[in-house]
Amino acid sequence: MVSRVLSVALLSPYDDLTGRYTALPFTTEPALNRSDYVTERALDGLFTVLGEEERKIRSDPAARTTELLQRVFSS
């Protein structure tokens, strides 16, 4: 619920600004798909976190807490 309210609070000014911009002569609506942008940024963040966890697991044997991780990363 909070993220929805925050999303609406942030997107309303963007929609207003876009509406004013496209009302100007000889302009077109900016090619920005907000859903695609948000999804892409979320995936970038997810893969960043996954990369950090993998780096930690590879460099610190104590981080290999499960049997599967110990089997995968054993030498």
C-alpha atoms as a PDB file:
ATOM      1  CA  MET A   1       0.000   0.000   0.000  1.00  0.00           C
ATOM      2  CA  VAL A   2       2.788   2.435   0.874  1.00  0.00           C
ATOM      3  CA  SER A   3       4.642   1.711  -2.372  1.00  0.00           C
ATOM      4  CA  ARG A   4       1.431   2.301  -4.342  1.00  0.00           C
ATOM      5  CA  VAL A   5       0.897   5.668  -2.642  1.00  0.00           C
ATOM      6  CA  LEU A   6       4.539   6.584  -3.208  1.00  0.00           C
ATOM      7  CA  SER A   7       4.302   5.517  -6.845  1.00  0.00           C
ATOM      8  CA  VAL A   8       1.218   7.652  -7.418  1.00  0.00           C
ATOM      9  CA  ALA A   9       2.810  10.585  -5.603  1.00  0.00           C
ATOM     10  CA  LEU A  10       5.860  10.400  -7.857  1.00  0.00           C
ATOM     11  CA  LEU A  11       4.075   9.707 -11.121  1.00  0.00           C
ATOM     12  CA  SER A  12       1.467  12.458 -10.874  1.00  0.00           C
ATOM     13  CA  PRO A  13       4.025  15.283 -11.292  1.00  0.00           C
ATOM     14  CA  TYR A  14       5.609  13.347 -14.170  1.00  0.00           C
ATOM     15  CA  ASP A  15       2.242  12.963 -15.900  1.00  0.00           C
ATOM     16  CA  ASP A  16       1.517  16.671 -15.385  1.00  0.00           C
ATOM     17  CA  LEU A  17       4.890  17.682 -16.803  1.00  0.00           C
ATOM     18  CA  THR A  18       4.513  15.311 -19.759  1.00  0.00           C
ATOM     19  CA  GLY A  19       1.053  16.713 -20.471  1.00  0.00           C
ATOM     20  CA  ARG A  20       2.356  20.272 -20.486  1.00  0.00           C
ATOM     21  CA  TYR A  21       5.301  19.307 -22.695  1.00  0.00           C
ATOM     22  CA  THR A  22       3.167  17.506 -25.286  1.00  0.00           C
ATOM     23  CA  ALA A  23       0.754  20.478 -25.379  1.00  0.00           C
ATOM     24  CA  LEU A  24       3.560  22.590 -26.848  1.00  0.00           C
ATOM     25  CA  PRO A  25       3.575  22.915 -30.638  1.00  0.00           C
ATOM     26  CA  PHE A  26       5.833  20.554 -32.588  1.00  0.00           C
ATOM     27  CA  THR A  27       6.514  18.216 -29.675  1.00  0.00           C
ATOM     28  CA  THR A  28       5.715  14.558 -29.263  1.00  0.00           C
ATOM     29  CA  GLU A  29       5.196  12.505 -26.151  1.00  0.00           C
ATOM     30  CA  PRO A  30       8.521  11.328 -24.688  1.00  0.00           C
ATOM     31  CA  ALA A  31       9.290   7.681 -25.401  1.00  0.00           C
ATOM     32  CA  LEU A  32       9.381   6.513 -21.802  1.00  0.00           C
ATOM     33  CA  ASN A  33       7.492   3.456 -20.682  1.00  0.00           C
ATOM     34  CA  ARG A  34       7.412   3.777 -16.896  1.00  0.00           C
ATOM     35  CA  SER A  35       6.501   0.121 -16.321  1.00  0.00           C
ATOM     36  CA  ASP A  36       9.420  -1.099 -18.417  1.00  0.00           C
ATOM     37  CA  TYR A  37      11.783   1.329 -16.706  1.00  0.00           C
ATOM     38  CA  VAL A  38      10.721   0.278 -13.200  1.00  0.00           C
ATOM     39  CA  THR A  39      10.933  -3.419 -14.111  1.00  0.00           C
ATOM     40  CA  GLU A  40      14.389  -2.978 -15.639  1.00  0.00           C
ATOM     41  CA  ARG A  41      15.703  -1.105 -12.607  1.00  0.00           C
ATOM     42  CA  ALA A  42      14.245  -3.701 -10.220  1.00  0.00           C
ATOM     43  CA  LEU A  43      15.934  -6.512 -12.150  1.00  0.00           C
ATOM     44  CA  ASP A  44      19.226  -4.590 -12.179  1.00  0.00           C
ATOM     45  CA  GLY A  45      18.997  -4.261  -8.404  1.00  0.00           C
ATOM     46  CA  LEU A  46      18.126  -7.934  -7.973  1.00  0.00           C
ATOM     47  CA  PHE A  47      21.084  -9.095 -10.045  1.00  0.00           C
ATOM     48  CA  THR A  48      23.385  -6.704  -8.191  1.00  0.00           C
ATOM     49  CA  VAL A  49      22.347  -8.250  -4.865  1.00  0.00           C
ATOM     50  CA  LEU A  50      22.708 -11.772  -6.280  1.00  0.00           C
ATOM     51  CA  GLY A  51      26.190 -10.926  -7.552  1.00  0.00           C
ATOM     52  CA  GLU A  52      27.245  -9.615  -4.150  1.00  0.00           C
ATOM     53  CA  GLU A  53      25.950 -12.765  -2.445  1.00  0.00           C
ATOM     54  CA  GLU A  54      27.788 -14.987  -4.927  1.00  0.00           C
ATOM     55  CA  ARG A  55      31.005 -13.027  -4.410  1.00  0.00           C
ATOM     56  CA  LYS A  56      30.630 -13.469  -0.648  1.00  0.00           C
ATOM     57  CA  ILE A  57      29.978 -17.206  -0.970  1.00  0.00           C
ATOM     58  CA  ARG A  58      32.976 -17.694  -3.257  1.00  0.00           C
ATOM     59  CA  SER A  59      35.388 -15.723  -1.085  1.00  0.00           C
ATOM     60  CA  ASP A  60      34.229 -16.724   2.414  1.00  0.00           C
ATOM     61  CA  PRO A  61      33.868 -20.442   3.178  1.00  0.00           C
ATOM     62  CA  ALA A  62      31.850 -19.577   6.300  1.00  0.00           C
ATOM     63  CA  ALA A  63      29.143 -18.110   4.025  1.00  0.00           C
ATOM     64  CA  ARG A  64      28.524 -21.562   2.548  1.00  0.00           C
ATOM     65  CA  THR A  65      25.904 -22.427   5.115  1.00  0.00           C
ATOM     66  CA  THR A  66      23.825 -25.042   3.310  1.00  0.00           C
ATOM     67  CA  GLU A  67      24.835 -28.553   2.277  1.00  0.00           C
ATOM     68  CA  LEU A  68      24.182 -27.680  -1.361  1.00  0.00           C
ATOM     69  CA  LEU A  69      26.470 -24.654  -1.265  1.00  0.00           C
ATOM     70  CA  GLN A  70      29.168 -26.686   0.432  1.00  0.00           C
ATOM     71  CA  ARG A  71      28.932 -29.361  -2.275  1.00  0.00           C
ATOM     72  CA  VAL A  72      28.902 -26.861  -5.152  1.00  0.00           C
ATOM     73  CA  PHE A  73      31.854 -24.818  -3.892  1.00  0.00           C
ATOM     74  CA  SER A  74      34.002 -27.631  -2.480  1.00  0.00           C
ATOM     75  CA  SER A  75      37.360 -28.119  -4.136  1.00  0.00           C
END
